[in-house]
């Protein structure tokens, strides 16, 4: 999966690579496995982890769908600027 994302030019828009996202999913309360091998609850995601995880998973899922349907993926990047008039999203194809 990581190789396909690299070929599509998606990886540079992710906060973490696929391996890191799988590890996060496997070691946090909100996602795949709620407990560890010792039956201890996993920690909850921090707000930063949650934001990165949700954003990255959204991009990855859209990339996979576009790949399977053989259509172009468009990623909108919100520019960080204090002036609202210059804050329009930029499309990347």
C-alpha atoms as a PDB file:
ATOM      1  CA  UNK A   1       0.000   0.000   0.000  1.00  0.00           C
ATOM      2  CA  UNK A   2       2.787   2.425   0.877  1.00  0.00           C
ATOM      3  CA  UNK A   3       4.376   1.900  -2.556  1.00  0.00           C
ATOM      4  CA  UNK A   4       1.107   2.685  -4.342  1.00  0.00           C
ATOM      5  CA  UNK A   5       0.644   5.826  -2.265  1.00  0.00           C
ATOM      6  CA  UNK A   6       4.200   6.854  -3.134  1.00  0.00           C
ATOM      7  CA  UNK A   7       3.527   6.336  -6.865  1.00  0.00           C
ATOM      8  CA  UNK A   8       0.316   8.373  -6.658  1.00  0.00           C
ATOM      9  CA  UNK A   9       2.137  11.242  -4.932  1.00  0.00           C
ATOM     10  CA  UNK A  10      -0.056  10.910  -1.848  1.00  0.00           C
ATOM     11  CA  UNK A  11       2.603  10.072   0.761  1.00  0.00           C
ATOM     12  CA  UNK A  12       3.923  13.620   0.956  1.00  0.00           C
ATOM     13  CA  UNK A  13       0.462  14.753   2.144  1.00  0.00           C
ATOM     14  CA  UNK A  14       0.343  12.292   5.050  1.00  0.00           C
ATOM     15  CA  UNK A  15       1.406  12.983   8.617  1.00  0.00           C
ATOM     16  CA  UNK A  16       2.521   9.372   9.122  1.00  0.00           C
ATOM     17  CA  UNK A  17       3.418   6.472   6.862  1.00  0.00           C
ATOM     18  CA  UNK A  18       1.188   3.389   6.541  1.00  0.00           C
ATOM     19  CA  UNK A  19       3.241   1.347   9.024  1.00  0.00           C
ATOM     20  CA  UNK A  20       2.971   4.091  11.656  1.00  0.00           C
ATOM     21  CA  UNK A  21      -0.789   4.357  11.115  1.00  0.00           C
ATOM     22  CA  UNK A  22      -1.213   0.586  11.564  1.00  0.00           C
ATOM     23  CA  UNK A  23       0.826   0.744  14.774  1.00  0.00           C
ATOM     24  CA  UNK A  24      -1.278   3.635  16.031  1.00  0.00           C
ATOM     25  CA  UNK A  25      -4.487   1.770  15.173  1.00  0.00           C
ATOM     26  CA  UNK A  26      -3.274  -1.331  17.010  1.00  0.00           C
ATOM     27  CA  UNK A  27      -2.182   0.472  20.167  1.00  0.00           C
ATOM     28  CA  UNK A  28      -4.956   2.968  20.890  1.00  0.00           C
ATOM     29  CA  UNK A  29      -8.252   2.622  22.728  1.00  0.00           C
ATOM     30  CA  UNK A  30     -10.441   4.198  20.015  1.00  0.00           C
ATOM     31  CA  UNK A  31      -9.412   1.962  17.152  1.00  0.00           C
ATOM     32  CA  UNK A  32      -8.815  -1.673  16.431  1.00  0.00           C
ATOM     33  CA  UNK A  33      -7.606  -3.267  19.670  1.00  0.00           C
ATOM     34  CA  UNK A  34      -8.904  -1.805  22.914  1.00  0.00           C
ATOM     35  CA  UNK A  35      -6.585  -3.904  25.114  1.00  0.00           C
ATOM     36  CA  UNK A  36      -2.969  -5.031  24.899  1.00  0.00           C
ATOM     37  CA  UNK A  37      -1.689  -8.606  25.289  1.00  0.00           C
ATOM     38  CA  UNK A  38      -1.783  -8.224  29.084  1.00  0.00           C
ATOM     39  CA  UNK A  39      -5.485  -7.254  28.997  1.00  0.00           C
ATOM     40  CA  UNK A  40      -4.631  -3.656  29.904  1.00  0.00           C
ATOM     41  CA  UNK A  41      -6.557  -0.883  28.210  1.00  0.00           C
ATOM     42  CA  UNK A  42      -4.605   0.949  25.544  1.00  0.00           C
ATOM     43  CA  UNK A  43      -4.211   4.700  26.013  1.00  0.00           C
ATOM     44  CA  UNK A  44      -6.563   7.059  24.234  1.00  0.00           C
ATOM     45  CA  UNK A  45      -5.286   9.027  21.271  1.00  0.00           C
ATOM     46  CA  UNK A  46      -4.093  12.533  21.917  1.00  0.00           C
ATOM     47  CA  UNK A  47      -5.896  15.238  19.955  1.00  0.00           C
ATOM     48  CA  UNK A  48      -2.854  15.534  17.673  1.00  0.00           C
ATOM     49  CA  UNK A  49      -2.794  11.758  17.045  1.00  0.00           C
ATOM     50  CA  UNK A  50      -6.541  11.767  16.376  1.00  0.00           C
ATOM     51  CA  UNK A  51      -6.293  14.635  13.877  1.00  0.00           C
ATOM     52  CA  UNK A  52      -3.381  13.051  12.011  1.00  0.00           C
ATOM     53  CA  UNK A  53      -5.005   9.598  12.049  1.00  0.00           C
ATOM     54  CA  UNK A  54      -8.393  10.764  10.762  1.00  0.00           C
ATOM     55  CA  UNK A  55      -6.905  13.014   8.093  1.00  0.00           C
ATOM     56  CA  UNK A  56      -4.423  10.393   6.885  1.00  0.00           C
ATOM     57  CA  UNK A  57      -6.961   7.553   6.834  1.00  0.00           C
ATOM     58  CA  UNK A  58      -9.399   9.737   4.888  1.00  0.00           C
ATOM     59  CA  UNK A  59      -6.745  10.532   2.267  1.00  0.00           C
ATOM     60  CA  UNK A  60      -5.627   6.900   2.045  1.00  0.00           C
ATOM     61  CA  UNK A  61      -9.170   5.560   1.635  1.00  0.00           C
ATOM     62  CA  UNK A  62      -9.964   8.097  -1.091  1.00  0.00           C
ATOM     63  CA  UNK A  63      -6.674   7.236  -2.815  1.00  0.00           C
ATOM     64  CA  UNK A  64      -7.491   3.500  -2.767  1.00  0.00           C
ATOM     65  CA  UNK A  65     -10.985   4.107  -4.178  1.00  0.00           C
ATOM     66  CA  UNK A  66      -9.594   6.348  -6.932  1.00  0.00           C
ATOM     67  CA  UNK A  67      -6.911   3.775  -7.721  1.00  0.00           C
ATOM     68  CA  UNK A  68      -9.489   0.975  -8.003  1.00  0.00           C
ATOM     69  CA  UNK A  69     -11.854   3.097 -10.120  1.00  0.00           C
ATOM     70  CA  UNK A  70      -8.961   4.402 -12.240  1.00  0.00           C
ATOM     71  CA  UNK A  71      -9.849   8.041 -11.621  1.00  0.00           C
ATOM     72  CA  UNK A  72      -7.665  10.957 -10.564  1.00  0.00           C
ATOM     73  CA  UNK A  73      -7.405  11.838  -6.895  1.00  0.00           C
ATOM     74  CA  UNK A  74      -7.728  15.497  -5.955  1.00  0.00           C
ATOM     75  CA  UNK A  75      -6.426  16.651  -2.592  1.00  0.00           C
ATOM     76  CA  UNK A  76      -7.434  20.052  -1.281  1.00  0.00           C
ATOM     77  CA  UNK A  77      -4.872  21.725   0.941  1.00  0.00           C
ATOM     78  CA  UNK A  78      -6.004  24.500   3.247  1.00  0.00           C
ATOM     79  CA  UNK A  79      -3.408  27.247   3.270  1.00  0.00           C
ATOM     80  CA  UNK A  80      -2.599  28.584   6.715  1.00  0.00           C
ATOM     81  CA  UNK A  81      -2.936  32.360   6.578  1.00  0.00           C
ATOM     82  CA  UNK A  82      -4.387  34.973   8.887  1.00  0.00           C
ATOM     83  CA  UNK A  83      -6.175  36.809   6.066  1.00  0.00           C
ATOM     84  CA  UNK A  84      -9.494  35.117   5.254  1.00  0.00           C
ATOM     85  CA  UNK A  85      -9.442  36.306   1.640  1.00  0.00           C
ATOM     86  CA  UNK A  86      -6.249  34.344   0.964  1.00  0.00           C
ATOM     87  CA  UNK A  87      -7.424  31.242   2.843  1.00  0.00           C
ATOM     88  CA  UNK A  88      -9.010  29.421  -0.112  1.00  0.00           C
ATOM     89  CA  UNK A  89      -8.219  25.719  -0.534  1.00  0.00           C
ATOM     90  CA  UNK A  90      -5.747  24.751  -3.245  1.00  0.00           C
ATOM     91  CA  UNK A  91      -6.460  21.680  -5.398  1.00  0.00           C
ATOM     92  CA  UNK A  92      -3.655  19.204  -6.065  1.00  0.00           C
ATOM     93  CA  UNK A  93      -4.222  16.595  -8.775  1.00  0.00           C
END
